Amino acid sequence: MRYSQWIGILAALVLIVACFLPWTFHPDLNKTFTGFYSENNVYGKPGKVFIFLAVVAIILYLIPKIWAKRWNLLSGALVVAFAIKTFITFSGCYRGICPVKQPGIWMMLAASVVMLIMILMPDMPVPEEKK
C-alpha cells in the first residue's frame, strides 16, 4: 500500500494522544482513569509502555530496510497484545460495578490495530532475482 507508512505513523501518534484522554469513568469512585492515572495506581501506567512502543514503531516505519520492517512487526504485535490486555483490565467489571468506557480507550484499541495492519502492508519495493 502506498501510504501505509504514513497511516501507521499517524496511528502511532493517535495512540500517544489517546493515552492522555479519559479511558474509563468509575461511578463508585467518581473518578476518570487515563493511561497515566488509576486509583492508587492499581492498573499501573500503561501510557508509558504505549508511548515507548509507539516511538519505536515510528522510528522503524521511517527506516527503509527489511530488518526494520521485521522488527516493526514485533513492536506492532506487542502493541496490539498490550492494548487488548489493557482494554480488558480497564473496562472489566469489579464487585458488581462496571466502569463507563470513554472514547480514549476505544481510540487506543483502534489505533493499535491500525498500526498492526499498516505494518503488515509495507511500502517497500522487492528487488528482482538475478538469473
Protein backbone atom coordinates (compact mmCIF):
# COMPACT_ATOMS: atom_id res chain seq x y z
CA MET A 1 0.00 0.00 0.00
CA ARG A 2 1.36 3.35 -1.00
CA TYR A 3 0.67 5.35 2.17
CA SER A 4 0.90 2.56 4.73
CA GLN A 5 3.93 4.08 6.46
CA TRP A 6 2.28 7.47 6.90
CA ILE A 7 -1.01 5.98 8.05
CA GLY A 8 0.93 3.83 10.53
CA ILE A 9 2.81 6.86 11.85
CA LEU A 10 -0.48 8.75 12.18
CA ALA A 11 -1.98 5.80 14.06
CA ALA A 12 1.03 5.75 16.41
CA LEU A 13 0.55 9.46 17.10
CA VAL A 14 -3.16 8.88 17.74
CA LEU A 15 -2.17 6.12 20.18
CA ILE A 16 0.07 8.58 22.04
CA VAL A 17 -2.73 11.17 22.21
CA ALA A 18 -5.23 8.53 23.37
CA CYS A 19 -3.05 7.80 26.41
CA PHE A 20 -3.82 11.29 27.74
CA LEU A 21 -7.58 11.11 27.12
CA PRO A 22 -10.13 9.63 29.56
CA TRP A 23 -10.39 5.85 29.23
CA THR A 24 -12.98 4.87 31.82
CA PHE A 25 -15.22 6.55 34.39
CA HIS A 26 -15.72 4.67 37.64
CA PRO A 27 -19.01 5.75 39.24
CA ASP A 28 -18.22 4.28 42.67
CA LEU A 29 -15.05 6.39 42.92
CA ASN A 30 -16.43 9.30 40.87
CA LYS A 31 -13.09 9.40 39.02
CA THR A 32 -11.93 9.13 35.45
CA PHE A 33 -8.97 6.88 34.64
CA THR A 34 -6.49 7.60 31.85
CA GLY A 35 -3.40 5.85 30.54
CA PHE A 36 -1.40 7.53 33.31
CA TYR A 37 -3.86 7.57 36.21
CA SER A 38 -5.75 4.90 38.09
CA GLU A 39 -6.86 4.93 41.73
CA ASN A 40 -3.82 4.13 43.90
CA ASN A 41 -2.03 3.11 40.68
CA VAL A 42 -3.94 -0.21 40.73
CA TYR A 43 -3.80 -0.66 36.94
CA GLY A 44 -0.33 0.84 36.55
CA LYS A 45 0.61 3.35 33.89
CA PRO A 46 0.18 1.65 30.52
CA GLY A 47 0.55 5.01 28.79
CA LYS A 48 4.31 4.86 29.34
CA VAL A 49 4.53 1.49 27.58
CA PHE A 50 2.32 2.67 24.71
CA ILE A 51 4.37 5.83 24.20
CA PHE A 52 7.65 3.87 24.20
CA LEU A 53 6.37 1.27 21.72
CA ALA A 54 4.74 3.93 19.51
CA VAL A 55 8.01 5.90 19.29
CA VAL A 56 9.91 2.70 18.43
CA ALA A 57 7.30 1.90 15.76
CA ILE A 58 7.55 5.41 14.27
CA ILE A 59 11.34 5.11 14.03
CA LEU A 60 11.06 1.67 12.42
CA TYR A 61 8.40 2.92 9.98
CA LEU A 62 10.85 5.54 8.74
CA ILE A 63 13.80 3.17 8.17
CA PRO A 64 13.57 1.72 4.62
CA LYS A 65 15.29 -1.60 5.41
CA ILE A 66 13.81 -5.09 5.56
CA TRP A 67 15.16 -5.71 9.08
CA ALA A 68 13.32 -2.59 10.29
CA LYS A 69 10.05 -3.89 8.85
CA ARG A 70 10.55 -7.22 10.62
CA TRP A 71 11.31 -5.59 13.97
CA ASN A 72 8.33 -3.31 13.46
CA LEU A 73 6.13 -6.39 13.16
CA LEU A 74 7.31 -7.43 16.61
CA SER A 75 6.63 -3.98 18.07
CA GLY A 76 3.19 -3.87 16.44
CA ALA A 77 2.28 -7.28 17.81
CA LEU A 78 3.38 -6.17 21.28
CA VAL A 79 1.27 -3.01 20.99
CA VAL A 80 -1.86 -4.94 20.00
CA ALA A 81 -1.37 -7.59 22.68
CA PHE A 82 -0.81 -4.95 25.36
CA ALA A 83 -3.80 -2.93 24.08
CA ILE A 84 -6.11 -5.94 24.39
CA LYS A 85 -4.80 -6.69 27.89
CA THR A 86 -5.21 -3.04 28.92
CA PHE A 87 -8.72 -2.82 27.45
CA ILE A 88 -9.82 -5.88 29.41
CA THR A 89 -8.16 -4.63 32.59
CA PHE A 90 -9.56 -1.09 32.50
CA SER A 91 -13.08 -1.91 31.29
CA GLY A 92 -13.71 -5.07 33.31
CA CYS A 93 -16.41 -5.10 35.96
CA TYR A 94 -15.48 -5.50 39.62
CA ARG A 95 -17.67 -6.09 42.69
CA GLY A 96 -20.79 -5.62 40.54
CA ILE A 97 -19.69 -2.20 39.26
CA CYS A 98 -18.94 -1.74 35.58
CA PRO A 99 -16.91 1.32 34.57
CA VAL A 100 -18.19 3.51 31.75
CA LYS A 101 -15.94 3.23 28.70
CA GLN A 102 -14.81 6.63 27.44
CA PRO A 103 -13.63 7.47 23.88
CA GLY A 104 -9.93 7.31 24.79
CA ILE A 105 -9.92 3.56 25.40
CA TRP A 106 -11.61 2.94 22.05
CA MET A 107 -9.10 5.21 20.31
CA MET A 108 -6.24 3.32 21.97
CA LEU A 109 -7.58 -0.03 20.81
CA ALA A 110 -8.38 1.15 17.25
CA ALA A 111 -5.03 2.94 16.80
CA SER A 112 -3.09 -0.15 17.86
CA VAL A 113 -5.00 -2.36 15.40
CA VAL A 114 -4.49 0.16 12.57
CA MET A 115 -0.77 0.25 13.38
CA LEU A 116 -0.52 -3.53 13.05
CA ILE A 117 -2.48 -3.57 9.78
CA MET A 118 -0.20 -0.89 8.30
CA ILE A 119 2.87 -2.81 9.48
CA LEU A 120 1.64 -5.84 7.55
CA MET A 121 1.46 -3.77 4.33
CA PRO A 122 4.88 -2.11 3.99
CA ASP A 123 5.59 0.16 1.05
CA MET A 124 8.88 -1.41 0.06
CA PRO A 125 9.94 -2.48 -3.41
CA VAL A 126 11.02 -6.09 -3.75
CA PRO A 127 14.28 -6.48 -5.70
CA GLU A 128 14.18 -8.76 -8.72
CA GLU A 129 16.10 -12.01 -8.69
CA LYS A 130 19.21 -12.23 -10.83
CA LYS A 131 19.41 -15.27 -13.09
